[in-house]
Amino acid sequence: MATIIFVKAVLLILLVASVVKFVGLVIEFVIENVVVSIIIALVTLAILVVWFGYFNPKGKRERLAEEARQLAEENQLAEENRRRRQELMSKYQDEEVVERIMTRRVWTGQTAGMLMDALGPPEAVDVKLLKTKKKEIWKYAHQGGKRYGIRITLDNDKIVKADVKDEYVQKVLPP
């Protein structure tokens, strides 16, 4: 009887060992094949990206055309800014004033002409003619109804006050 139990135990141990070995082989096979499959997929993806992104003549032509268009726009904008800066320098003869106007800034004491050069024409103007002065409120950034993002008060064509509702609309410089 003890021999039968011993034989059964040995057979059970051999069976467990065989199952463990089989499972190990299956896991090893799956892992090796998964790794190989992932590597093959990545290499294929890289080849497709390189081919269609860089070596495909149509893609290359499109990329070069887009880069040329962007460069032309940048050059045109730079030329317009240079020309505008020269015009403003000949008009105001002050580098600081020209820089403020080019960056669309508003400050107390700025003239109506400088404001027009900085922000362009207002969307609406309220004018009050008093005995000794002309008071105007120039309004920019219409937000609906009677609301405006920027209200600039001018007395005799000089800014005395600037109300800016939204910081992103316009920066106001101190005098």
C-alpha atoms as a PDB file:
ATOM      1  CA  MET A   1       0.000   0.000   0.000  1.00  0.00           C
ATOM      2  CA  ALA A   2       2.819   2.370   0.795  1.00  0.00           C
ATOM      3  CA  THR A   3       4.323   1.567  -2.581  1.00  0.00           C
ATOM      4  CA  ILE A   4       1.092   2.548  -4.323  1.00  0.00           C
ATOM      5  CA  ILE A   5       0.982   5.851  -2.452  1.00  0.00           C
ATOM      6  CA  PHE A   6       4.635   6.421  -3.282  1.00  0.00           C
ATOM      7  CA  VAL A   7       4.031   5.657  -6.983  1.00  0.00           C
ATOM      8  CA  LYS A   8       0.958   7.935  -7.024  1.00  0.00           C
ATOM      9  CA  ALA A   9       2.973  10.703  -5.391  1.00  0.00           C
ATOM     10  CA  VAL A  10       5.787  10.296  -7.915  1.00  0.00           C
ATOM     11  CA  LEU A  11       3.278  10.320 -10.794  1.00  0.00           C
ATOM     12  CA  LEU A  12       1.590  13.415  -9.333  1.00  0.00           C
ATOM     13  CA  ILE A  13       4.940  15.160  -9.011  1.00  0.00           C
ATOM     14  CA  LEU A  14       5.832  14.243 -12.597  1.00  0.00           C
ATOM     15  CA  LEU A  15       2.415  15.453 -13.785  1.00  0.00           C
ATOM     16  CA  VAL A  16       2.802  18.791 -11.944  1.00  0.00           C
ATOM     17  CA  ALA A  17       6.312  19.186 -13.266  1.00  0.00           C
ATOM     18  CA  SER A  18       5.121  18.478 -16.811  1.00  0.00           C
ATOM     19  CA  VAL A  19       2.274  20.990 -16.490  1.00  0.00           C
ATOM     20  CA  VAL A  20       4.653  23.644 -15.091  1.00  0.00           C
ATOM     21  CA  LYS A  21       7.125  22.966 -17.895  1.00  0.00           C
ATOM     22  CA  PHE A  22       4.348  23.133 -20.498  1.00  0.00           C
ATOM     23  CA  VAL A  23       2.953  26.397 -19.078  1.00  0.00           C
ATOM     24  CA  GLY A  24       6.465  27.853 -18.984  1.00  0.00           C
ATOM     25  CA  LEU A  25       7.040  26.929 -22.622  1.00  0.00           C
ATOM     26  CA  VAL A  26       3.670  28.412 -23.633  1.00  0.00           C
ATOM     27  CA  ILE A  27       4.414  31.651 -21.746  1.00  0.00           C
ATOM     28  CA  GLU A  28       7.892  31.839 -23.210  1.00  0.00           C
ATOM     29  CA  PHE A  29       6.505  31.250 -26.722  1.00  0.00           C
ATOM     30  CA  VAL A  30       3.804  33.903 -26.285  1.00  0.00           C
ATOM     31  CA  ILE A  31       6.247  36.440 -24.834  1.00  0.00           C
ATOM     32  CA  GLU A  32       8.783  35.870 -27.583  1.00  0.00           C
ATOM     33  CA  ASN A  33       6.121  36.144 -30.263  1.00  0.00           C
ATOM     34  CA  VAL A  34       4.538  39.229 -28.675  1.00  0.00           C
ATOM     35  CA  VAL A  35       7.889  40.955 -28.450  1.00  0.00           C
ATOM     36  CA  VAL A  36       8.685  39.978 -32.027  1.00  0.00           C
ATOM     37  CA  SER A  37       5.224  41.117 -33.165  1.00  0.00           C
ATOM     38  CA  ILE A  38       5.615  44.468 -31.383  1.00  0.00           C
ATOM     39  CA  ILE A  39       9.060  44.993 -32.907  1.00  0.00           C
ATOM     40  CA  ILE A  40       7.757  44.154 -36.388  1.00  0.00           C
ATOM     41  CA  ALA A  41       4.805  46.529 -35.932  1.00  0.00           C
ATOM     42  CA  LEU A  42       7.051  49.378 -34.750  1.00  0.00           C
ATOM     43  CA  VAL A  43       9.501  48.903 -37.598  1.00  0.00           C
ATOM     44  CA  THR A  44       6.631  48.827 -40.115  1.00  0.00           C
ATOM     45  CA  LEU A  45       5.123  51.987 -38.613  1.00  0.00           C
ATOM     46  CA  ALA A  46       8.489  53.748 -38.717  1.00  0.00           C
ATOM     47  CA  ILE A  47       8.952  52.799 -42.371  1.00  0.00           C
ATOM     48  CA  LEU A  48       5.486  54.096 -43.261  1.00  0.00           C
ATOM     49  CA  VAL A  49       6.037  57.361 -41.409  1.00  0.00           C
ATOM     50  CA  VAL A  50       9.397  57.917 -43.041  1.00  0.00           C
ATOM     51  CA  TRP A  51       8.115  56.985 -46.468  1.00  0.00           C
ATOM     52  CA  PHE A  52       4.948  59.089 -46.438  1.00  0.00           C
ATOM     53  CA  GLY A  53       6.384  61.920 -44.379  1.00  0.00           C
ATOM     54  CA  TYR A  54       9.798  62.524 -45.898  1.00  0.00           C
ATOM     55  CA  PHE A  55      10.417  60.483 -48.991  1.00  0.00           C
ATOM     56  CA  ASN A  56       7.008  60.630 -50.613  1.00  0.00           C
ATOM     57  CA  PRO A  57       7.467  63.267 -53.330  1.00  0.00           C
ATOM     58  CA  LYS A  58       3.917  64.558 -52.970  1.00  0.00           C
ATOM     59  CA  GLY A  59       4.289  64.988 -49.195  1.00  0.00           C
ATOM     60  CA  LYS A  60       7.664  66.651 -49.637  1.00  0.00           C
ATOM     61  CA  ARG A  61       6.306  69.063 -52.249  1.00  0.00           C
ATOM     62  CA  GLU A  62       3.373  69.956 -49.999  1.00  0.00           C
ATOM     63  CA  ARG A  63       5.687  70.503 -47.032  1.00  0.00           C
ATOM     64  CA  LEU A  64       8.055  72.669 -49.053  1.00  0.00           C
ATOM     65  CA  ALA A  65       5.159  74.689 -50.497  1.00  0.00           C
ATOM     66  CA  GLU A  66       3.727  75.274 -47.009  1.00  0.00           C
ATOM     67  CA  GLU A  67       7.131  76.321 -45.662  1.00  0.00           C
ATOM     68  CA  ALA A  68       7.599  78.721 -48.598  1.00  0.00           C
ATOM     69  CA  ARG A  69       4.132  80.212 -48.053  1.00  0.00           C
ATOM     70  CA  GLN A  70       4.804  80.723 -44.326  1.00  0.00           C
ATOM     71  CA  LEU A  71       8.176  82.296 -45.051  1.00  0.00           C
ATOM     72  CA  ALA A  72       6.618  84.647 -47.618  1.00  0.00           C
ATOM     73  CA  GLU A  73       3.927  85.680 -45.091  1.00  0.00           C
ATOM     74  CA  GLU A  74       6.557  86.305 -42.406  1.00  0.00           C
ATOM     75  CA  ASN A  75       8.677  88.367 -44.814  1.00  0.00           C
ATOM     76  CA  GLN A  76       5.663  90.389 -45.935  1.00  0.00           C
ATOM     77  CA  LEU A  77       4.642  91.065 -42.331  1.00  0.00           C
ATOM     78  CA  ALA A  78       8.209  92.052 -41.406  1.00  0.00           C
ATOM     79  CA  GLU A  79       8.369  94.393 -44.400  1.00  0.00           C
ATOM     80  CA  GLU A  80       5.021  95.977 -43.494  1.00  0.00           C
ATOM     81  CA  ASN A  81       6.175  96.442 -39.878  1.00  0.00           C
ATOM     82  CA  ARG A  82       9.468  97.972 -41.029  1.00  0.00           C
ATOM     83  CA  ARG A  83       7.664 100.358 -43.391  1.00  0.00           C
ATOM     84  CA  ARG A  84       5.131 101.316 -40.708  1.00  0.00           C
ATOM     85  CA  ARG A  85       7.893 101.898 -38.148  1.00  0.00           C
ATOM     86  CA  GLN A  86       9.706 104.195 -40.597  1.00  0.00           C
ATOM     87  CA  GLU A  87       6.511 106.163 -41.276  1.00  0.00           C
ATOM     88  CA  LEU A  88       5.846 106.544 -37.540  1.00  0.00           C
ATOM     89  CA  MET A  89       9.468 107.608 -36.877  1.00  0.00           C
ATOM     90  CA  SER A  90       9.247 110.299 -39.540  1.00  0.00           C
ATOM     91  CA  LYS A  91       5.933 111.433 -38.063  1.00  0.00           C
ATOM     92  CA  TYR A  92       6.772 111.439 -34.308  1.00  0.00           C
ATOM     93  CA  GLN A  93      10.609 111.555 -34.157  1.00  0.00           C
ATOM     94  CA  ASP A  94      10.591 109.582 -30.861  1.00  0.00           C
ATOM     95  CA  GLU A  95      11.620 105.913 -30.616  1.00  0.00           C
ATOM     96  CA  GLU A  96       9.727 105.337 -27.334  1.00  0.00           C
ATOM     97  CA  VAL A  97       6.479 106.731 -28.767  1.00  0.00           C
ATOM     98  CA  VAL A  98       6.906 104.673 -31.936  1.00  0.00           C
ATOM     99  CA  GLU A  99       7.535 101.506 -29.911  1.00  0.00           C
ATOM    100  CA  ARG A 100       4.402 102.107 -27.817  1.00  0.00           C
ATOM    101  CA  ILE A 101       2.331 102.682 -30.946  1.00  0.00           C
ATOM    102  CA  MET A 102       3.761  99.592 -32.681  1.00  0.00           C
ATOM    103  CA  THR A 103       2.825  97.461 -29.661  1.00  0.00           C
ATOM    104  CA  ARG A 104      -0.696  98.987 -29.637  1.00  0.00           C
ATOM    105  CA  ARG A 105      -0.346 100.586 -26.229  1.00  0.00           C
ATOM    106  CA  VAL A 106      -2.339 103.465 -24.758  1.00  0.00           C
ATOM    107  CA  TRP A 107      -1.084 105.987 -22.199  1.00  0.00           C
ATOM    108  CA  THR A 108      -2.208 109.176 -20.507  1.00  0.00           C
ATOM    109  CA  GLY A 109      -1.135 112.205 -22.529  1.00  0.00           C
ATOM    110  CA  GLN A 110      -1.192 110.370 -25.839  1.00  0.00           C
ATOM    111  CA  THR A 111      -2.673 112.448 -28.654  1.00  0.00           C
ATOM    112  CA  ALA A 112      -5.673 111.483 -30.751  1.00  0.00           C
ATOM    113  CA  GLY A 113      -3.394 110.978 -33.768  1.00  0.00           C
ATOM    114  CA  MET A 114      -1.133 108.626 -31.825  1.00  0.00           C
ATOM    115  CA  LEU A 115      -4.171 106.732 -30.568  1.00  0.00           C
ATOM    116  CA  MET A 116      -5.492 106.433 -34.117  1.00  0.00           C
ATOM    117  CA  ASP A 117      -2.084 105.102 -35.227  1.00  0.00           C
ATOM    118  CA  ALA A 118      -1.986 102.638 -32.317  1.00  0.00           C
ATOM    119  CA  LEU A 119      -5.524 101.218 -32.324  1.00  0.00           C
ATOM    120  CA  GLY A 120      -7.030 102.471 -35.557  1.00  0.00           C
ATOM    121  CA  PRO A 121     -10.370 104.233 -35.815  1.00  0.00           C
ATOM    122  CA  PRO A 122     -12.774 103.721 -32.910  1.00  0.00           C
ATOM    123  CA  GLU A 123     -15.933 101.694 -33.331  1.00  0.00           C
ATOM    124  CA  ALA A 124     -17.965 104.483 -31.745  1.00  0.00           C
ATOM    125  CA  VAL A 125     -17.307 108.036 -30.503  1.00  0.00           C
ATOM    126  CA  ASP A 126     -19.243 110.158 -27.999  1.00  0.00           C
ATOM    127  CA  VAL A 127     -18.490 113.872 -28.374  1.00  0.00           C
ATOM    128  CA  LYS A 128     -19.320 116.645 -25.882  1.00  0.00           C
ATOM    129  CA  LEU A 129     -18.454 120.208 -26.781  1.00  0.00           C
ATOM    130  CA  LEU A 130     -18.007 122.302 -23.670  1.00  0.00           C
ATOM    131  CA  LYS A 131     -17.206 126.024 -23.439  1.00  0.00           C
ATOM    132  CA  THR A 132     -13.493 125.537 -22.913  1.00  0.00           C
ATOM    133  CA  LYS A 133     -12.785 122.051 -24.201  1.00  0.00           C
ATOM    134  CA  LYS A 134     -13.856 119.202 -26.432  1.00  0.00           C
ATOM    135  CA  LYS A 135     -14.453 115.935 -24.572  1.00  0.00           C
ATOM    136  CA  GLU A 136     -14.579 112.680 -26.544  1.00  0.00           C
ATOM    137  CA  ILE A 137     -14.949 109.055 -25.565  1.00  0.00           C
ATOM    138  CA  TRP A 138     -13.510 106.666 -28.114  1.00  0.00           C
ATOM    139  CA  LYS A 139     -14.869 103.117 -27.860  1.00  0.00           C
ATOM    140  CA  TYR A 140     -13.178  99.935 -29.040  1.00  0.00           C
ATOM    141  CA  ALA A 141     -13.871  96.177 -28.782  1.00  0.00           C
ATOM    142  CA  HIS A 142     -17.663  96.237 -29.032  1.00  0.00           C
ATOM    143  CA  GLN A 143     -19.194  93.528 -26.849  1.00  0.00           C
ATOM    144  CA  GLY A 144     -22.866  94.015 -27.670  1.00  0.00           C
ATOM    145  CA  GLY A 145     -25.401  96.713 -26.899  1.00  0.00           C
ATOM    146  CA  LYS A 146     -23.674  99.703 -25.325  1.00  0.00           C
ATOM    147  CA  ARG A 147     -20.820  97.632 -23.914  1.00  0.00           C
ATOM    148  CA  TYR A 148     -17.263  98.120 -25.098  1.00  0.00           C
ATOM    149  CA  GLY A 149     -14.053  96.493 -23.902  1.00  0.00           C
ATOM    150  CA  ILE A 150     -12.116  99.749 -24.156  1.00  0.00           C
ATOM    151  CA  ARG A 151     -13.310 103.316 -23.478  1.00  0.00           C
ATOM    152  CA  ILE A 152     -10.747 106.078 -23.881  1.00  0.00           C
ATOM    153  CA  THR A 153     -11.538 109.607 -22.739  1.00  0.00           C
ATOM    154  CA  LEU A 154      -9.858 112.486 -24.587  1.00  0.00           C
ATOM    155  CA  ASP A 155      -9.915 116.152 -23.579  1.00  0.00           C
ATOM    156  CA  ASN A 156      -8.856 118.460 -26.386  1.00  0.00           C
ATOM    157  CA  ASP A 157      -7.439 115.511 -28.336  1.00  0.00           C
ATOM    158  CA  LYS A 158      -5.264 114.150 -25.484  1.00  0.00           C
ATOM    159  CA  ILE A 159      -5.973 111.013 -23.470  1.00  0.00           C
ATOM    160  CA  VAL A 160      -6.905 111.691 -19.865  1.00  0.00           C
ATOM    161  CA  LYS A 161      -8.384 108.290 -18.994  1.00  0.00           C
ATOM    162  CA  ALA A 162      -8.475 104.772 -20.397  1.00  0.00           C
ATOM    163  CA  ASP A 163     -10.939 102.167 -19.139  1.00  0.00           C
ATOM    164  CA  VAL A 164     -10.086  98.631 -20.181  1.00  0.00           C
ATOM    165  CA  LYS A 165     -12.598  95.944 -19.247  1.00  0.00           C
ATOM    166  CA  ASP A 166     -10.588  92.943 -20.412  1.00  0.00           C
ATOM    167  CA  GLU A 167      -6.835  92.698 -19.889  1.00  0.00           C
ATOM    168  CA  TYR A 168      -6.329  90.687 -23.070  1.00  0.00           C
ATOM    169  CA  VAL A 169      -7.923  93.435 -25.173  1.00  0.00           C
ATOM    170  CA  GLN A 170      -5.346  96.173 -24.587  1.00  0.00           C
ATOM    171  CA  LYS A 171      -2.472  96.986 -22.232  1.00  0.00           C
ATOM    172  CA  VAL A 172      -2.557 100.421 -20.641  1.00  0.00           C
ATOM    173  CA  LEU A 173       0.784 102.005 -19.849  1.00  0.00           C
ATOM    174  CA  PRO A 174       1.303 104.481 -17.042  1.00  0.00           C
ATOM    175  CA  PRO A 175       2.297 108.007 -18.113  1.00  0.00           C
END
